[in-house]
């Protein structure tokens, strides 16, 4: 497997593989000006920089992937059938359940209280580097936030949907909820979006390659989360919304729209 992390039957153990590189110092002649040392950035396995087509995705600094807040492989202890995407919005994890009884577990960011998808859905569409446009409901209820983006944000590094998006349907109806990438690294493992399920871009790319269309998605209830994974119940914190201006969004590749999260193409 590309990532050697595993978890035990009782829990996903924290098995951080990134280590701090030791830099050997050397003396500098008095006549030579000293150059400031560049910071050393470490990445957990599977979270380094990626060249994805025309886009360069920076690595995820390991301070965001500490402990269990990263992709892991192991035995699936949930209650869903193989081939299901099982999302626990209380423990902030998404499981891709395999036929052999194992799963890949990814950390996710979810909606603030009362603003998350619940129940079941089906992935009926998936896109690479998708664009985003606010819904009419978003424009009507919060024009001060969404009106500047009425014409949408094209796919790319500034899109709130990140590198990939999986589109959730109920029957033939688009729910307007997505499983998608994000540049808002702090949101992963916490509650902070307006409802969709966020993943590190490196993780949504990994999941995207493994998911077929259609795929069933199950969202755990509070009771199910407590029953299946009490150790991680209510992991993370609820973050306040971050709202960026159009200049911030379109002017930098590091921008992300934290509060723009129920999407329609």
Protein backbone atom coordinates (compact mmCIF):
# COMPACT_ATOMS: atom_id res chain seq x y z
CA UNK A 1 0.00 0.00 0.00
CA UNK A 2 1.22 3.57 -0.61
CA UNK A 3 0.82 4.43 3.07
CA UNK A 4 2.04 1.91 5.62
CA UNK A 5 -0.09 3.26 8.49
CA UNK A 6 -2.39 0.74 10.13
CA UNK A 7 -4.78 0.73 13.03
CA UNK A 8 -5.54 -1.90 15.65
CA UNK A 9 -8.84 -3.63 16.36
CA UNK A 10 -9.57 -1.23 19.22
CA UNK A 11 -8.52 2.00 17.57
CA UNK A 12 -6.40 3.61 14.95
CA UNK A 13 -3.05 4.02 16.73
CA UNK A 14 -1.05 7.16 16.06
CA UNK A 15 1.88 5.99 13.96
CA UNK A 16 3.55 9.13 12.71
CA UNK A 17 6.18 8.34 10.12
CA UNK A 18 7.47 11.83 9.45
CA UNK A 19 10.62 12.63 11.41
CA UNK A 20 12.49 15.85 11.90
CA UNK A 21 15.44 16.07 9.57
CA UNK A 22 18.74 16.72 11.32
CA UNK A 23 20.72 19.50 9.69
CA UNK A 24 24.45 19.50 10.12
CA UNK A 25 25.84 22.96 10.82
CA UNK A 26 29.06 24.40 9.44
CA UNK A 27 31.10 27.44 10.30
CA UNK A 28 30.84 30.56 8.14
CA UNK A 29 33.87 32.75 7.52
CA UNK A 30 33.64 36.17 9.15
CA UNK A 31 33.81 37.81 5.73
CA UNK A 32 30.74 35.88 4.50
CA UNK A 33 27.29 37.15 5.48
CA UNK A 34 25.22 34.54 7.28
CA UNK A 35 22.03 33.52 5.49
CA UNK A 36 18.96 32.85 7.62
CA UNK A 37 18.17 29.17 7.90
CA UNK A 38 15.11 28.08 5.95
CA UNK A 39 12.42 26.37 8.04
CA UNK A 40 12.31 22.60 7.78
CA UNK A 41 8.82 21.37 6.86
CA UNK A 42 8.03 17.72 7.43
CA UNK A 43 5.17 15.76 5.88
CA UNK A 44 3.58 12.53 7.07
CA UNK A 45 3.68 9.72 4.52
CA UNK A 46 1.09 10.35 1.80
CA UNK A 47 0.87 14.08 2.48
CA UNK A 48 3.82 15.48 0.57
CA UNK A 49 3.61 17.89 -2.38
CA UNK A 50 1.77 16.65 -5.48
CA UNK A 51 1.90 17.73 -9.11
CA UNK A 52 -1.68 17.07 -10.24
CA UNK A 53 -1.99 17.84 -13.93
CA UNK A 54 -1.39 21.56 -14.33
CA UNK A 55 -1.71 22.23 -10.60
CA UNK A 56 0.96 22.00 -7.91
CA UNK A 57 -0.47 21.08 -4.52
CA UNK A 58 1.78 21.90 -1.56
CA UNK A 59 2.33 19.28 1.10
CA UNK A 60 0.35 19.20 4.34
CA UNK A 61 2.67 20.28 7.20
CA UNK A 62 2.79 17.53 9.77
CA UNK A 63 1.33 19.72 12.51
CA UNK A 64 -2.04 19.15 10.80
CA UNK A 65 -1.65 15.37 10.59
CA UNK A 66 -0.60 14.61 14.15
CA UNK A 67 -1.86 11.51 15.94
CA UNK A 68 -5.00 10.10 14.33
CA UNK A 69 -5.69 13.09 12.09
CA UNK A 70 -4.41 11.39 8.94
CA UNK A 71 -5.11 8.54 6.54
CA UNK A 72 -4.84 5.08 8.06
CA UNK A 73 -5.55 1.47 7.06
CA UNK A 74 -6.92 -1.32 9.21
CA UNK A 75 -9.83 -3.49 10.29
CA UNK A 76 -13.28 -1.95 9.84
CA UNK A 77 -15.31 -1.98 13.06
CA UNK A 78 -18.41 -0.21 11.79
CA UNK A 79 -21.82 -1.52 10.79
CA UNK A 80 -21.98 -0.88 7.02
CA UNK A 81 -21.55 -3.23 4.08
CA UNK A 82 -18.46 -3.45 1.92
CA UNK A 83 -18.39 -0.87 -0.82
CA UNK A 84 -19.94 1.82 1.39
CA UNK A 85 -18.54 5.19 2.36
CA UNK A 86 -19.26 5.42 6.10
CA UNK A 87 -19.00 8.95 7.57
CA UNK A 88 -18.86 9.66 11.30
CA UNK A 89 -19.50 13.42 11.71
CA UNK A 90 -19.02 13.17 15.49
CA UNK A 91 -15.61 11.47 15.42
CA UNK A 92 -14.71 13.39 12.22
CA UNK A 93 -13.77 10.34 10.14
CA UNK A 94 -14.72 8.87 6.77
CA UNK A 95 -14.29 5.13 6.09
CA UNK A 96 -13.99 3.52 2.68
CA UNK A 97 -15.18 0.00 3.55
CA UNK A 98 -13.47 -2.87 1.71
CA UNK A 99 -14.70 -6.36 0.82
CA UNK A 100 -12.08 -8.06 3.01
CA UNK A 101 -13.33 -6.43 6.22
CA UNK A 102 -10.73 -3.67 6.21
CA UNK A 103 -11.16 0.05 5.61
CA UNK A 104 -9.23 3.16 4.75
CA UNK A 105 -9.99 5.83 7.32
CA UNK A 106 -9.60 9.51 6.51
CA UNK A 107 -9.95 12.51 8.83
CA UNK A 108 -12.63 14.98 7.74
CA UNK A 109 -14.04 18.38 8.58
CA UNK A 110 -17.82 18.59 8.95
CA UNK A 111 -20.53 21.21 9.32
CA UNK A 112 -21.18 23.26 12.39
CA UNK A 113 -23.97 22.11 14.69
CA UNK A 114 -27.25 21.82 12.83
CA UNK A 115 -25.66 22.34 9.42
CA UNK A 116 -24.51 18.86 8.44
CA UNK A 117 -25.98 16.30 6.06
CA UNK A 118 -27.61 13.31 7.76
CA UNK A 119 -28.99 9.94 6.72
CA UNK A 120 -27.93 8.24 3.53
CA UNK A 121 -27.00 9.34 0.02
CA UNK A 122 -25.36 8.03 -3.15
CA UNK A 123 -22.34 9.32 -5.03
CA UNK A 124 -23.62 9.67 -8.59
CA UNK A 125 -21.04 12.08 -9.96
CA UNK A 126 -17.41 12.89 -9.34
CA UNK A 127 -15.23 15.64 -10.78
CA UNK A 128 -11.61 16.70 -10.82
CA UNK A 129 -10.83 20.33 -9.95
CA UNK A 130 -14.50 21.33 -9.89
CA UNK A 131 -15.75 24.89 -9.93
CA UNK A 132 -18.33 26.27 -7.52
CA UNK A 133 -21.33 28.61 -7.73
CA UNK A 134 -23.53 29.69 -4.78
CA UNK A 135 -27.09 28.42 -4.72
CA UNK A 136 -30.06 30.76 -5.02
CA UNK A 137 -30.89 30.03 -1.39
CA UNK A 138 -27.41 31.12 -0.33
CA UNK A 139 -27.69 34.32 -2.36
CA UNK A 140 -31.11 35.04 -0.86
CA UNK A 141 -30.32 34.34 2.80
CA UNK A 142 -26.77 35.72 3.03
CA UNK A 143 -26.25 38.15 0.14
CA UNK A 144 -23.47 39.99 1.97
CA UNK A 145 -21.42 36.79 1.93
CA UNK A 146 -22.29 35.21 -1.41
CA UNK A 147 -23.25 38.01 -3.80
CA UNK A 148 -19.61 38.74 -4.76
CA UNK A 149 -19.40 35.13 -5.98
CA UNK A 150 -22.70 35.07 -7.90
CA UNK A 151 -20.85 34.21 -11.11
CA UNK A 152 -18.98 31.39 -9.42
CA UNK A 153 -15.40 30.42 -8.67
CA UNK A 154 -13.73 28.39 -11.44
CA UNK A 155 -12.05 25.09 -10.74
CA UNK A 156 -8.47 25.47 -9.54
CA UNK A 157 -6.42 26.15 -6.46
CA UNK A 158 -8.83 28.81 -5.16
CA UNK A 159 -12.03 26.76 -5.55
CA UNK A 160 -13.77 25.90 -2.27
CA UNK A 161 -14.20 22.34 -3.59
CA UNK A 162 -10.48 21.72 -3.80
CA UNK A 163 -8.87 19.12 -6.04
CA UNK A 164 -11.81 16.70 -6.27
CA UNK A 165 -15.51 16.50 -5.42
CA UNK A 166 -17.93 13.59 -4.96
CA UNK A 167 -21.55 14.69 -5.49
CA UNK A 168 -24.22 13.29 -3.17
CA UNK A 169 -27.71 12.43 -4.44
CA UNK A 170 -30.88 11.00 -2.95
CA UNK A 171 -32.67 9.19 -5.72
CA UNK A 172 -32.43 11.49 -8.73
CA UNK A 173 -32.24 14.64 -6.58
CA UNK A 174 -28.96 16.44 -6.01
CA UNK A 175 -28.60 17.14 -2.28
CA UNK A 176 -26.07 19.93 -3.00
CA UNK A 177 -23.81 18.34 -0.43
CA UNK A 178 -20.35 17.17 -1.48
CA UNK A 179 -17.37 15.25 -0.20
CA UNK A 180 -14.56 17.47 -1.38
CA UNK A 181 -11.05 18.79 -0.89
CA UNK A 182 -10.07 21.97 0.91
CA UNK A 183 -7.19 24.36 1.49
CA UNK A 184 -8.49 25.11 4.99
CA UNK A 185 -6.20 22.65 6.74
CA UNK A 186 -7.28 23.65 10.25
CA UNK A 187 -10.86 22.55 9.55
CA UNK A 188 -9.93 18.86 9.18
CA UNK A 189 -10.78 17.02 12.39
CA UNK A 190 -13.11 19.85 13.46
CA UNK A 191 -16.57 21.29 12.82
CA UNK A 192 -16.44 24.49 10.84
CA UNK A 193 -18.01 24.25 7.39
CA UNK A 194 -21.58 25.03 6.40
CA UNK A 195 -22.43 21.38 5.92
CA UNK A 196 -20.33 19.51 3.38
CA UNK A 197 -17.67 16.91 4.20
CA UNK A 198 -14.15 18.21 3.72
CA UNK A 199 -10.90 16.32 3.29
CA UNK A 200 -7.27 17.19 2.83
CA UNK A 201 -6.67 17.51 -0.93
CA UNK A 202 -4.20 14.61 -0.77
CA UNK A 203 -6.92 12.45 0.82
CA UNK A 204 -9.75 13.35 -1.57
CA UNK A 205 -7.43 12.54 -4.49
CA UNK A 206 -6.68 9.15 -2.89
CA UNK A 207 -10.37 8.43 -2.23
CA UNK A 208 -11.45 9.68 -5.67
CA UNK A 209 -9.35 7.00 -7.36
CA UNK A 210 -10.95 4.24 -5.26
CA UNK A 211 -14.62 5.27 -5.50
CA UNK A 212 -16.90 4.02 -8.26
CA UNK A 213 -20.13 5.65 -9.40
CA UNK A 214 -22.58 4.93 -7.90
CA UNK A 215 -21.39 4.38 -4.32
CA UNK A 216 -23.59 4.35 -1.22
CA UNK A 217 -22.78 6.92 1.50
CA UNK A 218 -23.92 6.41 5.09
CA UNK A 219 -23.84 9.21 7.69
CA UNK A 220 -23.67 7.90 11.24
CA UNK A 221 -26.14 9.09 13.82
CA UNK A 222 -25.05 10.33 17.22
CA UNK A 223 -26.13 7.02 18.74
CA UNK A 224 -24.22 4.99 16.17
CA UNK A 225 -21.07 7.05 16.68
CA UNK A 226 -21.24 6.50 20.44
CA UNK A 227 -21.82 2.78 19.92
CA UNK A 228 -19.11 2.16 17.34
CA UNK A 229 -16.36 4.64 18.25
CA UNK A 230 -16.86 6.06 21.76
CA UNK A 231 -13.13 6.77 22.08
CA UNK A 232 -13.30 9.49 19.44
CA UNK A 233 -16.84 10.76 19.97
CA UNK A 234 -17.06 14.56 19.62
CA UNK A 235 -13.42 14.79 18.55
CA UNK A 236 -12.28 18.27 17.60
CA UNK A 237 -13.81 21.68 18.18
CA UNK A 238 -16.34 23.94 16.48
CA UNK A 239 -14.53 26.67 14.59
CA UNK A 240 -15.93 30.13 13.83
CA UNK A 241 -16.58 30.88 10.15
CA UNK A 242 -13.86 32.45 8.04
CA UNK A 243 -15.18 34.62 5.22
CA UNK A 244 -12.76 35.85 2.58
CA UNK A 245 -13.19 38.69 0.12
CA UNK A 246 -13.10 38.11 -3.65
CA UNK A 247 -9.67 39.75 -3.69
CA UNK A 248 -8.37 37.21 -1.20
CA UNK A 249 -9.95 34.31 -3.07
CA UNK A 250 -8.91 35.21 -6.58
CA UNK A 251 -5.64 36.82 -5.62
CA UNK A 252 -3.90 33.91 -3.90
CA UNK A 253 -3.65 30.17 -4.40
CA UNK A 254 -3.76 29.69 -0.62
CA UNK A 255 -7.25 31.13 -0.26
CA UNK A 256 -10.21 29.03 0.80
CA UNK A 257 -13.84 29.94 1.41
CA UNK A 258 -14.64 28.47 4.78
CA UNK A 259 -18.31 29.32 4.95
CA UNK A 260 -19.26 28.60 1.34
CA UNK A 261 -20.22 24.98 1.60
CA UNK A 262 -23.55 23.95 0.02
CA UNK A 263 -22.67 23.84 -3.62
CA UNK A 264 -24.21 23.72 -7.06
CA UNK A 265 -22.37 23.75 -10.37
